[in-house]
């Protein structure tokens, strides 16, 4: 059976994470290791909840951090691809927390689908995915344009 292992001392870091960006993350955030001014480049991609009560103790430039409802990476293909292909990260850390309000949100949308007819919930989801895809395409075209301008002078 798997269990959560609290990391409150260096010996608690599992051997599989030794000498990896994951160990560095645990040392900085959990153990309070001194933060260098910068790491010079991102060492990993962190996906975490957008909950405003959650914060990370990390050096500048240490990680790409994606914050979303519940730390969900769905529809973040561009951001993940960028961090890996352009940023050169090879490690992804998925951070979760207890009592996540995003998982139990009483607001509008599919999270409250118990009050929605199935067809309405499905339509709302399709509309949101289309909107998000369009926004990503616009960002990609804008980013491509900026890169082209830099190369031309």
N, C-alpha and C. Protein backbone atom coordinates (compact mmCIF):
# COMPACT_ATOMS: atom_id res chain seq x y z
N UNK A 1 0.84 -1.19 0.00
CA UNK A 1 0.00 0.00 0.00
C UNK A 1 0.88 1.24 0.00
N UNK A 2 0.52 2.22 -0.85
CA UNK A 2 1.27 3.46 -0.91
C UNK A 2 0.77 4.41 0.15
N UNK A 3 1.66 5.26 0.62
CA UNK A 3 1.26 6.25 1.61
C UNK A 3 2.02 7.55 1.38
N UNK A 4 1.56 8.60 2.00
CA UNK A 4 2.24 9.89 1.92
C UNK A 4 3.39 9.89 2.93
N UNK A 5 4.56 10.27 2.45
CA UNK A 5 5.75 10.32 3.31
C UNK A 5 6.07 11.78 3.56
N UNK A 6 5.90 12.25 4.79
CA UNK A 6 6.25 13.64 5.07
C UNK A 6 7.76 13.85 4.92
N UNK A 7 8.15 14.93 4.26
CA UNK A 7 9.57 15.23 4.10
C UNK A 7 9.88 16.43 5.00
N UNK A 8 10.34 16.12 6.20
CA UNK A 8 10.69 17.18 7.15
C UNK A 8 12.13 17.05 7.64
N UNK A 9 12.87 16.15 7.01
CA UNK A 9 14.30 16.00 7.27
C UNK A 9 14.92 15.36 6.03
N UNK A 10 16.19 15.61 5.75
CA UNK A 10 16.82 15.11 4.52
C UNK A 10 16.70 13.60 4.34
N UNK A 11 16.74 12.85 5.42
CA UNK A 11 16.67 11.39 5.33
C UNK A 11 15.32 10.90 4.82
N UNK A 12 14.30 11.75 4.87
CA UNK A 12 12.96 11.35 4.42
C UNK A 12 12.82 11.41 2.90
N UNK A 13 13.78 12.04 2.21
CA UNK A 13 13.72 12.10 0.75
C UNK A 13 14.02 10.70 0.21
N UNK A 14 13.09 10.16 -0.56
CA UNK A 14 13.26 8.81 -1.08
C UNK A 14 14.48 8.73 -1.99
N UNK A 15 15.16 7.59 -1.98
CA UNK A 15 16.39 7.42 -2.75
C UNK A 15 16.18 7.63 -4.25
N UNK A 16 14.99 7.31 -4.76
CA UNK A 16 14.72 7.49 -6.18
C UNK A 16 14.80 8.97 -6.60
N UNK A 17 14.62 9.88 -5.64
CA UNK A 17 14.66 11.32 -5.94
C UNK A 17 16.01 11.96 -5.66
N UNK A 18 16.97 11.19 -5.14
CA UNK A 18 18.29 11.76 -4.83
C UNK A 18 18.98 12.22 -6.10
N UNK A 19 19.66 13.36 -5.98
CA UNK A 19 20.43 13.94 -7.10
C UNK A 19 19.55 14.24 -8.31
N UNK A 20 18.32 14.67 -8.08
CA UNK A 20 17.40 15.05 -9.15
C UNK A 20 16.80 16.42 -8.82
N UNK A 21 16.17 17.06 -9.79
CA UNK A 21 15.47 18.31 -9.50
C UNK A 21 14.38 18.13 -8.43
N UNK A 22 13.81 16.94 -8.33
CA UNK A 22 12.80 16.68 -7.29
C UNK A 22 13.40 16.81 -5.90
N UNK A 23 14.62 16.32 -5.73
CA UNK A 23 15.29 16.46 -4.43
C UNK A 23 15.52 17.94 -4.14
N UNK A 24 15.97 18.69 -5.15
CA UNK A 24 16.19 20.13 -4.95
C UNK A 24 14.89 20.82 -4.53
N UNK A 25 13.78 20.49 -5.20
CA UNK A 25 12.49 21.05 -4.85
C UNK A 25 12.15 20.77 -3.38
N UNK A 26 12.32 19.54 -2.95
CA UNK A 26 12.02 19.17 -1.56
C UNK A 26 12.95 19.89 -0.58
N UNK A 27 14.22 20.01 -0.94
CA UNK A 27 15.16 20.70 -0.06
C UNK A 27 14.83 22.18 0.08
N UNK A 28 14.50 22.84 -1.04
CA UNK A 28 14.15 24.26 -0.98
C UNK A 28 12.84 24.48 -0.25
N UNK A 29 11.79 23.79 -0.69
CA UNK A 29 10.46 24.07 -0.17
C UNK A 29 10.20 23.45 1.20
N UNK A 30 10.48 22.19 1.35
CA UNK A 30 10.16 21.51 2.61
C UNK A 30 11.19 21.72 3.70
N UNK A 31 12.47 21.74 3.32
CA UNK A 31 13.53 21.74 4.33
C UNK A 31 14.18 23.10 4.53
N UNK A 32 13.77 24.10 3.73
CA UNK A 32 14.29 25.45 3.92
C UNK A 32 15.75 25.63 3.55
N UNK A 33 16.23 24.85 2.58
CA UNK A 33 17.62 25.02 2.12
C UNK A 33 17.79 26.45 1.62
N UNK A 34 18.98 27.01 1.79
CA UNK A 34 19.22 28.39 1.32
C UNK A 34 18.94 28.51 -0.18
N UNK A 35 18.26 29.57 -0.55
CA UNK A 35 17.90 29.79 -1.95
C UNK A 35 19.00 30.58 -2.65
N UNK A 36 19.56 30.03 -3.71
CA UNK A 36 20.52 30.83 -4.49
C UNK A 36 19.77 31.98 -5.17
N UNK A 37 20.49 33.01 -5.55
CA UNK A 37 19.87 34.15 -6.23
C UNK A 37 19.14 33.69 -7.47
N UNK A 38 19.74 32.79 -8.22
CA UNK A 38 19.13 32.25 -9.43
C UNK A 38 19.75 30.88 -9.71
N UNK A 39 19.03 30.08 -10.47
CA UNK A 39 19.60 28.80 -10.91
C UNK A 39 20.05 28.88 -12.36
N UNK A 40 19.76 30.01 -13.01
CA UNK A 40 20.22 30.21 -14.39
C UNK A 40 19.30 29.63 -15.44
N UNK A 41 18.59 28.58 -15.11
CA UNK A 41 17.65 27.97 -16.04
C UNK A 41 16.68 27.09 -15.26
N UNK A 42 15.54 26.83 -15.87
CA UNK A 42 14.53 25.99 -15.20
C UNK A 42 15.02 24.55 -15.10
N UNK A 43 14.84 23.96 -13.94
CA UNK A 43 15.25 22.58 -13.71
C UNK A 43 14.07 21.61 -13.83
N UNK A 44 12.82 22.12 -13.64
CA UNK A 44 11.66 21.26 -13.72
C UNK A 44 10.40 22.06 -14.00
N UNK A 45 9.33 21.35 -14.29
CA UNK A 45 8.01 21.92 -14.47
C UNK A 45 7.18 21.50 -13.27
N UNK A 46 6.54 22.46 -12.63
CA UNK A 46 5.69 22.17 -11.48
C UNK A 46 4.25 22.48 -11.86
N UNK A 47 3.36 21.53 -11.64
CA UNK A 47 1.93 21.76 -11.81
C UNK A 47 1.31 21.71 -10.43
N UNK A 48 0.60 22.78 -10.09
CA UNK A 48 -0.01 22.84 -8.76
C UNK A 48 -1.34 23.58 -8.82
N UNK A 49 -2.07 23.50 -7.75
CA UNK A 49 -3.37 24.13 -7.65
C UNK A 49 -3.23 25.65 -7.67
N UNK A 50 -4.27 26.31 -8.16
CA UNK A 50 -4.27 27.76 -8.21
C UNK A 50 -4.70 28.38 -6.88
N UNK A 51 -4.97 27.57 -5.88
CA UNK A 51 -5.41 28.03 -4.57
C UNK A 51 -4.48 29.13 -4.07
N UNK A 52 -5.04 30.29 -3.76
CA UNK A 52 -4.25 31.44 -3.34
C UNK A 52 -3.56 31.25 -1.99
N UNK A 53 -3.94 30.24 -1.25
CA UNK A 53 -3.31 29.99 0.05
C UNK A 53 -2.03 29.18 -0.07
N UNK A 54 -1.73 28.68 -1.28
CA UNK A 54 -0.57 27.82 -1.49
C UNK A 54 0.55 28.61 -2.15
N UNK A 55 1.75 28.46 -1.63
CA UNK A 55 2.91 29.17 -2.14
C UNK A 55 4.10 28.23 -2.13
N UNK A 56 5.09 28.52 -2.95
CA UNK A 56 6.29 27.70 -3.03
C UNK A 56 7.51 28.52 -2.65
N UNK A 57 8.46 27.89 -1.99
CA UNK A 57 9.73 28.53 -1.68
C UNK A 57 10.76 27.98 -2.66
N UNK A 58 11.05 28.78 -3.69
CA UNK A 58 11.94 28.33 -4.76
C UNK A 58 12.85 29.48 -5.18
N UNK A 59 14.05 29.15 -5.68
CA UNK A 59 14.90 30.21 -6.24
C UNK A 59 14.33 30.73 -7.56
N UNK A 60 14.72 31.94 -7.92
CA UNK A 60 14.34 32.48 -9.23
C UNK A 60 14.84 31.55 -10.33
N UNK A 61 14.05 31.42 -11.36
CA UNK A 61 14.38 30.64 -12.56
C UNK A 61 14.54 29.14 -12.32
N UNK A 62 14.10 28.65 -11.18
CA UNK A 62 14.26 27.23 -10.86
C UNK A 62 13.26 26.35 -11.59
N UNK A 63 12.03 26.87 -11.80
CA UNK A 63 10.97 26.02 -12.36
C UNK A 63 9.96 26.82 -13.16
N UNK A 64 9.39 26.15 -14.16
CA UNK A 64 8.17 26.65 -14.78
C UNK A 64 7.06 26.18 -13.85
N UNK A 65 6.14 27.07 -13.48
CA UNK A 65 5.06 26.71 -12.57
C UNK A 65 3.73 26.97 -13.26
N UNK A 66 2.95 25.91 -13.43
CA UNK A 66 1.60 26.01 -13.97
C UNK A 66 0.62 25.88 -12.82
N UNK A 67 -0.24 26.86 -12.67
CA UNK A 67 -1.25 26.81 -11.62
C UNK A 67 -2.62 26.73 -12.29
N UNK A 68 -3.39 25.74 -11.89
CA UNK A 68 -4.72 25.55 -12.45
C UNK A 68 -5.62 24.94 -11.38
N UNK A 69 -6.90 24.90 -11.65
CA UNK A 69 -7.85 24.33 -10.70
C UNK A 69 -7.46 22.89 -10.40
N UNK A 70 -7.10 22.63 -9.18
CA UNK A 70 -6.72 21.28 -8.77
C UNK A 70 -5.39 20.81 -9.34
N UNK A 71 -4.61 21.70 -9.95
CA UNK A 71 -3.33 21.30 -10.54
C UNK A 71 -3.49 20.47 -11.80
N UNK A 72 -4.65 20.55 -12.42
CA UNK A 72 -4.97 19.75 -13.59
C UNK A 72 -4.16 20.23 -14.80
N UNK A 73 -3.53 19.31 -15.52
CA UNK A 73 -2.76 19.64 -16.71
C UNK A 73 -3.56 19.54 -18.01
N UNK A 74 -4.83 19.18 -17.90
CA UNK A 74 -5.67 19.08 -19.09
C UNK A 74 -5.68 20.43 -19.80
N UNK A 75 -5.56 20.41 -21.11
CA UNK A 75 -5.55 21.61 -21.96
C UNK A 75 -4.31 22.49 -21.73
N UNK A 76 -3.26 21.93 -21.17
CA UNK A 76 -2.00 22.67 -20.99
C UNK A 76 -0.90 22.11 -21.87
N UNK A 77 -1.29 21.50 -22.97
CA UNK A 77 -0.31 20.86 -23.85
C UNK A 77 0.77 21.82 -24.33
N UNK A 78 0.36 23.03 -24.72
CA UNK A 78 1.33 24.01 -25.21
C UNK A 78 2.35 24.35 -24.13
N UNK A 79 1.87 24.66 -22.93
CA UNK A 79 2.76 25.05 -21.84
C UNK A 79 3.73 23.92 -21.47
N UNK A 80 3.22 22.71 -21.39
CA UNK A 80 4.07 21.56 -21.06
C UNK A 80 5.09 21.33 -22.16
N UNK A 81 4.64 21.39 -23.41
CA UNK A 81 5.55 21.20 -24.54
C UNK A 81 6.63 22.27 -24.57
N UNK A 82 6.27 23.49 -24.28
CA UNK A 82 7.23 24.59 -24.26
C UNK A 82 8.30 24.34 -23.19
N UNK A 83 7.86 24.00 -21.99
CA UNK A 83 8.81 23.77 -20.90
C UNK A 83 9.79 22.66 -21.24
N UNK A 84 9.31 21.63 -21.91
CA UNK A 84 10.17 20.50 -22.26
C UNK A 84 11.03 20.81 -23.47
N UNK A 85 10.41 21.25 -24.56
CA UNK A 85 11.13 21.43 -25.83
C UNK A 85 12.02 22.67 -25.83
N UNK A 86 11.51 23.78 -25.34
CA UNK A 86 12.27 25.03 -25.36
C UNK A 86 13.05 25.21 -24.06
N UNK A 87 12.38 24.94 -22.94
CA UNK A 87 13.02 25.13 -21.64
C UNK A 87 13.97 24.03 -21.24
N UNK A 88 13.85 22.87 -21.87
CA UNK A 88 14.78 21.77 -21.62
C UNK A 88 14.58 21.02 -20.31
N UNK A 89 13.40 21.16 -19.70
CA UNK A 89 13.18 20.42 -18.45
C UNK A 89 12.87 18.96 -18.76
N UNK A 90 13.27 18.08 -17.87
CA UNK A 90 13.02 16.64 -18.04
C UNK A 90 12.26 16.07 -16.85
N UNK A 91 11.89 16.94 -15.91
CA UNK A 91 11.20 16.50 -14.70
C UNK A 91 9.92 17.30 -14.54
N UNK A 92 8.82 16.59 -14.24
CA UNK A 92 7.54 17.24 -13.97
C UNK A 92 7.12 16.85 -12.56
N UNK A 93 6.84 17.85 -11.73
CA UNK A 93 6.36 17.60 -10.37
C UNK A 93 4.90 17.99 -10.29
N UNK A 94 4.04 17.06 -9.88
CA UNK A 94 2.63 17.33 -9.69
C UNK A 94 2.38 17.50 -8.20
N UNK A 95 2.03 18.70 -7.79
CA UNK A 95 1.83 18.98 -6.37
C UNK A 95 0.35 19.08 -6.05
N UNK A 96 -0.07 18.40 -5.02
CA UNK A 96 -1.46 18.43 -4.58
C UNK A 96 -1.51 18.84 -3.12
N UNK A 97 -2.70 19.17 -2.66
CA UNK A 97 -2.85 19.50 -1.25
C UNK A 97 -4.19 18.99 -0.75
N UNK A 98 -4.32 18.92 0.55
CA UNK A 98 -5.57 18.43 1.14
C UNK A 98 -6.61 19.54 1.12
N UNK A 99 -7.86 19.17 1.26
CA UNK A 99 -8.98 20.10 1.32
C UNK A 99 -8.98 21.07 0.15
N UNK A 100 -8.80 20.54 -1.04
CA UNK A 100 -8.75 21.37 -2.25
C UNK A 100 -10.16 21.87 -2.58
N UNK A 101 -10.35 23.17 -2.51
CA UNK A 101 -11.64 23.77 -2.82
C UNK A 101 -12.00 23.63 -4.28
N UNK A 102 -11.01 23.47 -5.16
CA UNK A 102 -11.29 23.35 -6.58
C UNK A 102 -11.99 22.03 -6.90
N UNK A 103 -11.75 21.03 -6.10
CA UNK A 103 -12.39 19.74 -6.33
C UNK A 103 -13.85 19.74 -5.85
N UNK A 104 -14.17 20.67 -4.95
CA UNK A 104 -15.50 20.72 -4.36
C UNK A 104 -16.22 22.03 -4.65
N UNK A 105 -15.75 22.81 -5.63
CA UNK A 105 -16.27 24.15 -5.90
C UNK A 105 -17.78 24.14 -6.15
N UNK A 106 -18.52 25.00 -5.43
CA UNK A 106 -19.97 25.07 -5.63
C UNK A 106 -20.36 26.03 -6.75
N UNK A 107 -19.42 26.60 -7.48
CA UNK A 107 -19.70 27.59 -8.52
C UNK A 107 -20.33 26.98 -9.76
N UNK A 108 -20.30 27.74 -10.83
CA UNK A 108 -20.90 27.27 -12.07
C UNK A 108 -19.92 26.38 -12.82
N UNK A 109 -20.42 25.67 -13.78
CA UNK A 109 -19.58 24.81 -14.60
C UNK A 109 -19.78 23.36 -14.27
N UNK A 110 -18.97 22.50 -14.91
CA UNK A 110 -19.15 21.06 -14.74
C UNK A 110 -18.99 20.59 -13.30
N UNK A 111 -18.26 21.35 -12.45
CA UNK A 111 -18.09 20.90 -11.07
C UNK A 111 -19.43 20.85 -10.34
N UNK A 112 -20.40 21.62 -10.83
CA UNK A 112 -21.72 21.56 -10.20
C UNK A 112 -22.71 20.83 -11.08
N UNK A 113 -22.21 19.90 -11.89
CA UNK A 113 -23.05 19.22 -12.88
C UNK A 113 -24.15 18.38 -12.25
N UNK A 114 -24.08 18.15 -10.96
CA UNK A 114 -25.18 17.40 -10.34
C UNK A 114 -26.50 18.16 -10.48
N UNK A 115 -26.41 19.51 -10.72
CA UNK A 115 -27.60 20.33 -10.92
C UNK A 115 -27.88 20.58 -12.39
N UNK A 116 -27.00 20.10 -13.28
CA UNK A 116 -27.14 20.36 -14.71
C UNK A 116 -27.64 19.11 -15.40
N UNK A 117 -28.47 19.28 -16.42
CA UNK A 117 -28.76 18.12 -17.28
C UNK A 117 -27.46 17.75 -18.00
N UNK A 118 -27.26 16.48 -18.29
CA UNK A 118 -26.03 16.03 -18.94
C UNK A 118 -25.72 16.79 -20.22
N UNK A 119 -26.72 17.01 -21.06
CA UNK A 119 -26.49 17.69 -22.34
C UNK A 119 -25.97 19.11 -22.11
N UNK A 120 -26.52 19.83 -21.13
CA UNK A 120 -26.06 21.20 -20.86
C UNK A 120 -24.62 21.20 -20.34
N UNK A 121 -24.28 20.27 -19.48
CA UNK A 121 -22.91 20.19 -18.96
C UNK A 121 -21.93 19.86 -20.08
N UNK A 122 -22.31 18.94 -20.96
CA UNK A 122 -21.44 18.60 -22.09
C UNK A 122 -21.25 19.79 -23.02
N UNK A 123 -22.31 20.54 -23.31
CA UNK A 123 -22.23 21.70 -24.20
C UNK A 123 -21.33 22.77 -23.58
N UNK A 124 -21.46 23.02 -22.28
CA UNK A 124 -20.63 24.01 -21.60
C UNK A 124 -19.15 23.61 -21.72
N UNK A 125 -18.85 22.34 -21.50
CA UNK A 125 -17.48 21.86 -21.58
C UNK A 125 -16.92 22.02 -22.99
N UNK A 126 -17.69 21.67 -24.01
CA UNK A 126 -17.24 21.82 -25.39
C UNK A 126 -16.97 23.28 -25.72
N UNK A 127 -17.85 24.18 -25.28
CA UNK A 127 -17.65 25.60 -25.55
C UNK A 127 -16.37 26.11 -24.88
N UNK A 128 -16.15 25.71 -23.65
CA UNK A 128 -14.95 26.15 -22.93
C UNK A 128 -13.68 25.61 -23.60
N UNK A 129 -13.70 24.35 -24.00
CA UNK A 129 -12.51 23.76 -24.66
C UNK A 129 -12.22 24.48 -25.97
N UNK A 130 -13.28 24.83 -26.73
CA UNK A 130 -13.08 25.55 -27.98
C UNK A 130 -12.48 26.92 -27.72
N UNK A 131 -13.00 27.62 -26.73
CA UNK A 131 -12.48 28.94 -26.38
C UNK A 131 -11.01 28.86 -25.97
N UNK A 132 -10.68 27.90 -25.14
CA UNK A 132 -9.29 27.72 -24.68
C UNK A 132 -8.39 27.38 -25.86
N UNK A 133 -8.83 26.52 -26.76
CA UNK A 133 -8.02 26.16 -27.93
C UNK A 133 -7.77 27.38 -28.81
N UNK A 134 -8.78 28.23 -28.97
CA UNK A 134 -8.61 29.44 -29.77
C UNK A 134 -7.61 30.38 -29.10
N UNK A 135 -7.70 30.54 -27.79
CA UNK A 135 -6.77 31.41 -27.07
C UNK A 135 -5.34 30.89 -27.20
N UNK A 136 -5.15 29.60 -27.12
CA UNK A 136 -3.81 29.02 -27.26
C UNK A 136 -3.26 29.23 -28.66
N UNK A 137 -4.11 29.09 -29.66
CA UNK A 137 -3.67 29.29 -31.04
C UNK A 137 -3.24 30.74 -31.24
N UNK A 138 -3.98 31.67 -30.67
CA UNK A 138 -3.62 33.09 -30.78
C UNK A 138 -2.27 33.34 -30.11
N UNK A 139 -2.06 32.77 -28.91
CA UNK A 139 -0.78 32.93 -28.22
C UNK A 139 0.35 32.34 -29.03
N UNK A 140 0.13 31.17 -29.64
CA UNK A 140 1.18 30.52 -30.42
C UNK A 140 1.55 31.36 -31.64
N UNK A 141 0.54 31.91 -32.32
CA UNK A 141 0.81 32.76 -33.48
C UNK A 141 1.55 34.02 -33.04
N UNK A 142 1.13 34.61 -31.92
CA UNK A 142 1.80 35.80 -31.40
C UNK A 142 3.23 35.49 -31.04
N UNK A 143 3.46 34.38 -30.36
CA UNK A 143 4.81 33.98 -29.98
C UNK A 143 5.66 33.74 -31.22
N UNK A 144 5.11 33.08 -32.22
CA UNK A 144 5.84 32.82 -33.46
C UNK A 144 6.21 34.13 -34.13
N UNK A 145 5.28 35.09 -34.13
CA UNK A 145 5.55 36.40 -34.72
C UNK A 145 6.66 37.13 -34.00
N UNK A 146 6.67 37.06 -32.68
CA UNK A 146 7.72 37.71 -31.89
C UNK A 146 9.08 37.08 -32.19
N UNK A 147 9.11 35.75 -32.28
CA UNK A 147 10.36 35.05 -32.58
C UNK A 147 10.86 35.45 -33.97
N UNK A 148 9.96 35.53 -34.94
CA UNK A 148 10.35 35.90 -36.30
C UNK A 148 10.92 37.32 -36.34
N UNK A 149 10.30 38.24 -35.59
CA UNK A 149 10.79 39.62 -35.55
C UNK A 149 12.19 39.69 -34.94
N UNK A 150 12.43 38.94 -33.91
CA UNK A 150 13.75 38.94 -33.26
C UNK A 150 14.84 38.41 -34.21
N UNK A 151 14.49 37.39 -34.99
CA UNK A 151 15.46 36.82 -35.90
C UNK A 151 15.77 37.76 -37.06
N UNK A 152 14.78 38.58 -37.44
CA UNK A 152 14.97 39.47 -38.60
C UNK A 152 15.61 40.79 -38.20
N UNK A 153 15.67 41.07 -36.94
CA UNK A 153 16.41 42.24 -36.61
C UNK A 153 15.82 43.23 -35.73
